[in-house]
Each structure stands twice: as C-alpha cells, then as structure tokens.
Amino acid sequence: MNIIASTRTAECCQVPPAWPPGYGSVLLRGVRWSTYEALLNDVGNDHIRLTYDRGTLEIMAPLFRHEGAEILLGELVKALARAEKLPIKSAGSTTFRRWDVERGLEPDRCFYIRNISAILGKDDIKLPGDPPPDLAIEVDVEHRSLDRLPIYAALGVPEVWRFAQQRLEVLRRRDEYAYESCAASPTFPHLPIDAVPELLQELIGLDDASQEQRLRAWVRRYASGAKHARRGKKK
C-alpha cells in the first residue's frame, strides 16, 4: 500500500486514536472497500473526514479556519431557504457512499431541498436507494490531495458550492463524471455569488450572536433584491 502525506510523512496505515490538530491530510492507496467501511465504523466522522475513490483513501482532520467557513456557508444556505420559503433539511456531514461505484465522502455541509420529502422521518440514508443531498458545500482551505468533485458527481449530488482561495464557485452536475461552473445557483438563482466571500470575511471575525445578526440583515437585503427581480420578470 502506497502512502502519501500532504503535510507530514505518514509512518504507518493505522489511524491515530486522536488526530493531531494541524496534521493536514494523509493519502493511502490500495485500500479495499471493506477497509474503508471498517474505518467508518471504527472512527466515524466526528473528528476526521474519510474520502474514498476506488481504492484511494484520504484521511483529513479539519482545521479551525476550515470549520469556520463551512459553518457560515451552512448558516447562509439555511437563511436563504427561509427567505425563499423553501423547506430544507440539513444533513450536516453525513457519510454518503455507494459500493457499486466504490466512492464515498462526508460533505462539509449538505442539505435536502427538492428531495426533502424522500428523507424526512428516516434514521439513515443509504444510496442509491435514497436520493443524495440536493446541495453540498465543499470548503478547500487545506488543499486536499484527492479531487472530491468526481466523487460528488458519481454519487449524484446536483449542486456543489466550492469555497477556495476566498472565492465561491457554484457548480452544477453535468453528468456522472463532472460539474460545470454556473453564473447563478440553481437553488437560489438571485444570490449574488461574488458578494459571498466579502460577507464571510466580515462574519469570520465576529462572535456567534453578531454573526447571526449580520447574516440576517444581509439575507433580508438579498430577499428584497430577489423579490424585485421576480417582479421585473413578470412585467
């Protein structure tokens, strides 16, 4: 089994019982699907993220700056859904995997919106019998070694928001292999995508209560702009 460590040399294939903060990510090759499933059962996804792609496994410990960005983007999605009066169900960082395509991952944040009725009341979600999340958030501030977009595509996630290098990119699933960049979110078409990084930069330095207050004010302006845009189209 070949081992590649992105920020520190890995000395063995055993997952540390307490993943050291700032350790980054470790990439393992030649990992069987059964080993991936055993790791999911043994370590869960509370403190580390496991990404599997046909024999390649990446193990990552999210850093503080990563968690901050994904939390804020998740709160933004929920606030936008409330403004649009869209039913929404957060699935957090649930593990989604499909043995038939030998791929699996935990989104940084994900949500059911269009397919919410298919999963409400369920204790577990299993692909491909259940639908994948409608929108997933992917924060890449730690330069992951494994490209996760083909995995999202294979799992069938229709929309991914990727935040990297202080830029938000909205991606729409083109087919089972890839995504294409969009000028507007399919779920929130009036969202000013280019304004989101500046909002995050402002929120990241605030305490939770101040973040919530500022985010609500920002979304109220968004909702007002979206309403005017819809009225303009009707004329």
Protein backbone atom coordinates (compact mmCIF):
# COMPACT_ATOMS: atom_id res chain seq x y z
CA MET A 1 0.00 0.00 0.00
CA ASN A 2 1.46 3.34 -1.04
CA ILE A 3 1.15 6.18 1.46
CA ILE A 4 1.35 9.86 0.61
CA ALA A 5 1.10 12.51 3.33
CA SER A 6 0.27 16.01 2.11
CA THR A 7 1.67 17.92 5.09
CA ARG A 8 3.58 15.35 7.13
CA THR A 9 5.09 11.96 6.30
CA ALA A 10 2.82 9.12 7.39
CA GLU A 11 4.70 6.37 9.19
CA CYS A 12 2.01 3.70 9.04
CA CYS A 13 -1.51 2.96 7.85
CA GLN A 14 -3.07 2.95 11.32
CA VAL A 15 -5.37 5.89 12.04
CA PRO A 16 -4.21 7.74 15.17
CA PRO A 17 -6.75 7.50 18.04
CA ALA A 18 -6.67 11.30 18.44
CA TRP A 19 -5.82 13.07 15.18
CA PRO A 20 -3.34 15.88 15.99
CA PRO A 21 -4.60 19.41 15.22
CA GLY A 22 -2.96 20.83 12.13
CA TYR A 23 -1.89 17.39 10.89
CA GLY A 24 -3.43 18.03 7.49
CA SER A 25 -4.34 15.07 5.30
CA VAL A 26 -2.96 11.62 4.61
CA LEU A 27 -3.48 9.79 1.32
CA LEU A 28 -3.48 5.98 1.22
CA ARG A 29 -3.52 3.92 -1.97
CA GLY A 30 -4.56 0.32 -2.48
CA VAL A 31 -7.26 0.42 0.20
CA ARG A 32 -10.10 -2.09 -0.14
CA TRP A 33 -13.74 -1.03 0.10
CA SER A 34 -14.14 -3.30 3.14
CA THR A 35 -11.28 -1.46 4.87
CA TYR A 36 -12.93 1.89 4.17
CA GLU A 37 -16.22 0.67 5.64
CA ALA A 38 -14.40 -0.75 8.68
CA LEU A 39 -12.72 2.62 9.28
CA LEU A 40 -16.10 4.37 9.05
CA ASN A 41 -17.45 2.01 11.70
CA ASP A 42 -14.39 2.36 13.94
CA VAL A 43 -13.67 6.09 13.83
CA GLY A 44 -16.86 7.69 12.49
CA ASN A 45 -16.67 11.26 11.17
CA ASP A 46 -16.70 13.32 14.37
CA HIS A 47 -13.08 14.44 14.19
CA ILE A 48 -11.76 13.25 10.82
CA ARG A 49 -13.10 13.10 7.27
CA LEU A 50 -12.70 9.98 5.14
CA THR A 51 -12.84 10.32 1.36
CA TYR A 52 -12.74 7.15 -0.75
CA ASP A 53 -12.32 6.86 -4.51
CA ARG A 54 -11.87 3.39 -5.99
CA GLY A 55 -9.01 2.24 -3.80
CA THR A 56 -7.63 5.62 -2.75
CA LEU A 57 -8.44 6.87 0.75
CA GLU A 58 -7.80 10.37 2.09
CA ILE A 59 -7.95 10.98 5.83
CA MET A 60 -8.25 14.62 6.85
CA ALA A 61 -8.56 16.47 10.14
CA PRO A 62 -10.40 19.79 9.52
CA LEU A 63 -8.65 22.85 10.91
CA PHE A 64 -10.31 25.74 12.76
CA ARG A 65 -10.38 28.04 9.72
CA HIS A 66 -11.97 25.27 7.67
CA GLU A 67 -14.72 24.69 10.23
CA GLY A 68 -15.48 28.42 10.45
CA ALA A 69 -16.05 28.79 6.72
CA GLU A 70 -18.22 25.69 6.38
CA ILE A 71 -20.40 26.65 9.37
CA LEU A 72 -21.03 30.13 7.99
CA LEU A 73 -21.84 28.85 4.50
CA GLY A 74 -24.22 26.33 6.03
CA GLU A 75 -25.97 29.06 8.01
CA LEU A 76 -26.17 31.16 4.85
CA VAL A 77 -27.93 28.35 2.96
CA LYS A 78 -30.48 27.91 5.75
CA ALA A 79 -31.10 31.66 5.94
CA LEU A 80 -31.58 31.83 2.17
CA ALA A 81 -34.05 28.95 2.28
CA ARG A 82 -36.06 30.72 4.99
CA ALA A 83 -36.11 33.90 2.91
CA GLU A 84 -37.30 31.97 -0.14
CA LYS A 85 -39.77 29.96 2.00
CA LEU A 86 -38.17 26.72 0.82
CA PRO A 87 -38.44 23.65 3.08
CA ILE A 88 -34.93 22.49 3.93
CA LYS A 89 -33.34 19.68 5.92
CA SER A 90 -29.71 19.81 6.93
CA ALA A 91 -27.76 16.56 6.69
CA GLY A 92 -24.59 18.05 8.17
CA SER A 93 -21.52 15.97 7.33
CA THR A 94 -23.35 12.68 6.86
CA THR A 95 -21.29 9.95 5.21
CA PHE A 96 -22.60 9.22 1.72
CA ARG A 97 -21.19 6.17 -0.04
CA ARG A 98 -22.05 3.80 -2.87
CA TRP A 99 -20.40 0.41 -3.04
CA ASP A 100 -21.43 -0.04 -6.69
CA VAL A 101 -19.21 2.88 -7.79
CA GLU A 102 -16.70 2.43 -4.92
CA ARG A 103 -16.85 6.04 -3.79
CA GLY A 104 -17.74 7.79 -0.57
CA LEU A 105 -17.24 11.01 1.37
CA GLU A 106 -18.57 13.39 4.01
CA PRO A 107 -19.60 16.79 2.62
CA ASP A 108 -18.54 19.73 4.74
CA ARG A 109 -22.24 20.62 4.88
CA CYS A 110 -25.16 19.37 2.82
CA PHE A 111 -28.91 19.89 2.50
CA TYR A 112 -32.06 18.30 1.17
CA ILE A 113 -34.40 20.78 -0.51
CA ARG A 114 -36.09 19.41 -3.65
CA ASN A 115 -35.92 15.83 -2.37
CA ILE A 116 -36.72 16.65 1.24
CA SER A 117 -39.92 14.58 1.26
CA ALA A 118 -37.94 11.44 0.39
CA ILE A 119 -35.80 11.54 3.55
CA LEU A 120 -37.94 13.19 6.24
CA GLY A 121 -38.50 10.82 9.15
CA LYS A 122 -35.65 8.50 8.21
CA ASP A 123 -32.96 7.49 10.68
CA ASP A 124 -30.48 6.56 7.98
CA ILE A 125 -29.87 7.43 4.34
CA LYS A 126 -28.44 4.82 2.01
CA LEU A 127 -27.52 5.46 -1.60
CA PRO A 128 -28.59 4.67 -4.28
CA GLY A 129 -31.97 3.72 -2.83
CA ASP A 130 -32.31 7.13 -1.20
CA PRO A 131 -31.52 10.36 -3.08
CA PRO A 132 -28.23 12.19 -2.48
CA PRO A 133 -28.37 15.69 -0.95
CA ASP A 134 -29.56 18.45 -3.27
CA LEU A 135 -26.79 20.88 -2.33
CA ALA A 136 -23.36 20.23 -0.83
CA ILE A 137 -20.77 22.66 0.49
CA GLU A 138 -17.10 21.99 -0.17
CA VAL A 139 -14.56 24.17 1.66
CA ASP A 140 -10.98 23.74 0.44
CA VAL A 141 -8.64 25.82 2.58
CA GLU A 142 -6.31 22.91 3.33
CA HIS A 143 -5.55 21.85 -0.27
CA ARG A 144 -6.98 18.35 -0.20
CA SER A 145 -4.95 15.80 -2.11
CA LEU A 146 -7.94 13.94 -3.54
CA ASP A 147 -10.28 15.62 -6.04
CA ARG A 148 -13.72 15.23 -4.48
CA LEU A 149 -15.83 16.63 -7.33
CA PRO A 150 -15.83 13.39 -9.38
CA ILE A 151 -16.98 11.61 -6.23
CA TYR A 152 -19.87 14.04 -5.73
CA ALA A 153 -20.77 13.55 -9.41
CA ALA A 154 -20.74 9.75 -9.11
CA LEU A 155 -22.94 9.97 -6.01
CA GLY A 156 -25.41 12.15 -7.94
CA VAL A 157 -25.26 15.43 -5.98
CA PRO A 158 -26.82 18.02 -8.36
CA GLU A 159 -25.26 21.21 -6.91
CA VAL A 160 -21.98 21.88 -5.10
CA TRP A 161 -20.73 25.16 -3.64
CA ARG A 162 -16.94 25.16 -3.51
CA PHE A 163 -15.18 27.82 -1.45
CA ALA A 164 -11.44 28.12 -2.06
CA GLN A 165 -8.92 30.97 -2.08
CA GLN A 166 -11.59 33.44 -0.90
CA ARG A 167 -13.79 32.64 -3.90
CA LEU A 168 -17.16 30.92 -4.04
CA GLU A 169 -17.84 28.79 -7.11
CA VAL A 170 -21.28 27.32 -7.78
CA LEU A 171 -21.15 24.05 -9.69
CA ARG A 172 -23.96 22.16 -11.41
CA ARG A 173 -23.69 18.44 -12.13
CA ARG A 174 -23.18 17.91 -15.85
CA ASP A 175 -23.17 14.10 -15.80
CA GLU A 176 -21.97 11.23 -13.63
CA TYR A 177 -18.36 12.32 -14.10
CA ALA A 178 -18.11 16.09 -13.79
CA TYR A 179 -19.57 19.50 -12.93
CA GLU A 180 -19.77 22.79 -14.77
CA SER A 181 -19.42 26.25 -13.27
CA CYS A 182 -22.60 28.35 -13.09
CA ALA A 183 -23.16 32.09 -13.07
CA ALA A 184 -26.10 31.55 -10.70
CA SER A 185 -27.13 28.95 -8.16
CA PRO A 186 -29.83 26.59 -9.49
CA THR A 187 -31.38 26.58 -6.00
CA PHE A 188 -31.02 30.29 -5.22
CA PRO A 189 -30.85 31.95 -8.66
CA HIS A 190 -30.82 35.53 -7.35
CA LEU A 191 -27.97 35.02 -4.89
CA PRO A 192 -25.10 37.48 -5.59
CA ILE A 193 -22.35 34.85 -5.63
CA ASP A 194 -19.49 37.33 -5.93
CA ALA A 195 -20.62 39.11 -2.75
CA VAL A 196 -20.49 35.99 -0.55
CA PRO A 197 -16.69 35.91 0.08
CA GLU A 198 -16.78 39.50 1.37
CA LEU A 199 -19.67 38.59 3.66
CA LEU A 200 -17.75 35.60 5.03
CA GLN A 201 -14.67 37.72 5.60
CA GLU A 202 -16.75 40.14 7.63
CA LEU A 203 -18.53 37.40 9.63
CA ILE A 204 -15.47 35.31 10.46
CA GLY A 205 -14.16 37.85 12.96
CA LEU A 206 -17.44 38.14 14.89
CA ASP A 207 -18.88 36.17 17.77
CA ASP A 208 -21.82 33.85 17.07
CA ALA A 209 -24.57 36.26 18.08
CA SER A 210 -23.11 39.09 16.00
CA GLN A 211 -22.64 36.72 13.06
CA GLU A 212 -26.31 35.73 13.18
CA GLN A 213 -27.47 39.35 13.35
CA ARG A 214 -25.26 40.43 10.46
CA LEU A 215 -26.20 37.40 8.36
CA ARG A 216 -29.92 38.03 8.82
CA ALA A 217 -29.53 41.66 7.73
CA TRP A 218 -27.57 40.59 4.64
CA VAL A 219 -30.17 37.97 3.69
CA ARG A 220 -33.01 40.48 4.14
CA ARG A 221 -31.35 42.65 1.51
CA TYR A 222 -30.91 39.58 -0.69
CA ALA A 223 -34.58 38.66 -0.29
CA SER A 224 -35.64 42.19 -1.17
CA GLY A 225 -33.48 42.14 -4.31
CA ALA A 226 -34.80 38.71 -5.30
CA LYS A 227 -38.39 39.92 -4.92
CA HIS A 228 -37.75 42.91 -7.18
CA ALA A 229 -36.07 40.65 -9.74
CA ARG A 230 -39.07 38.31 -9.82
CA ARG A 231 -41.46 41.25 -10.22
CA GLY A 232 -39.36 42.56 -13.09
CA LYS A 233 -39.61 39.24 -14.91
CA LYS A 234 -43.40 39.20 -14.58
CA LYS A 235 -43.78 42.59 -16.26
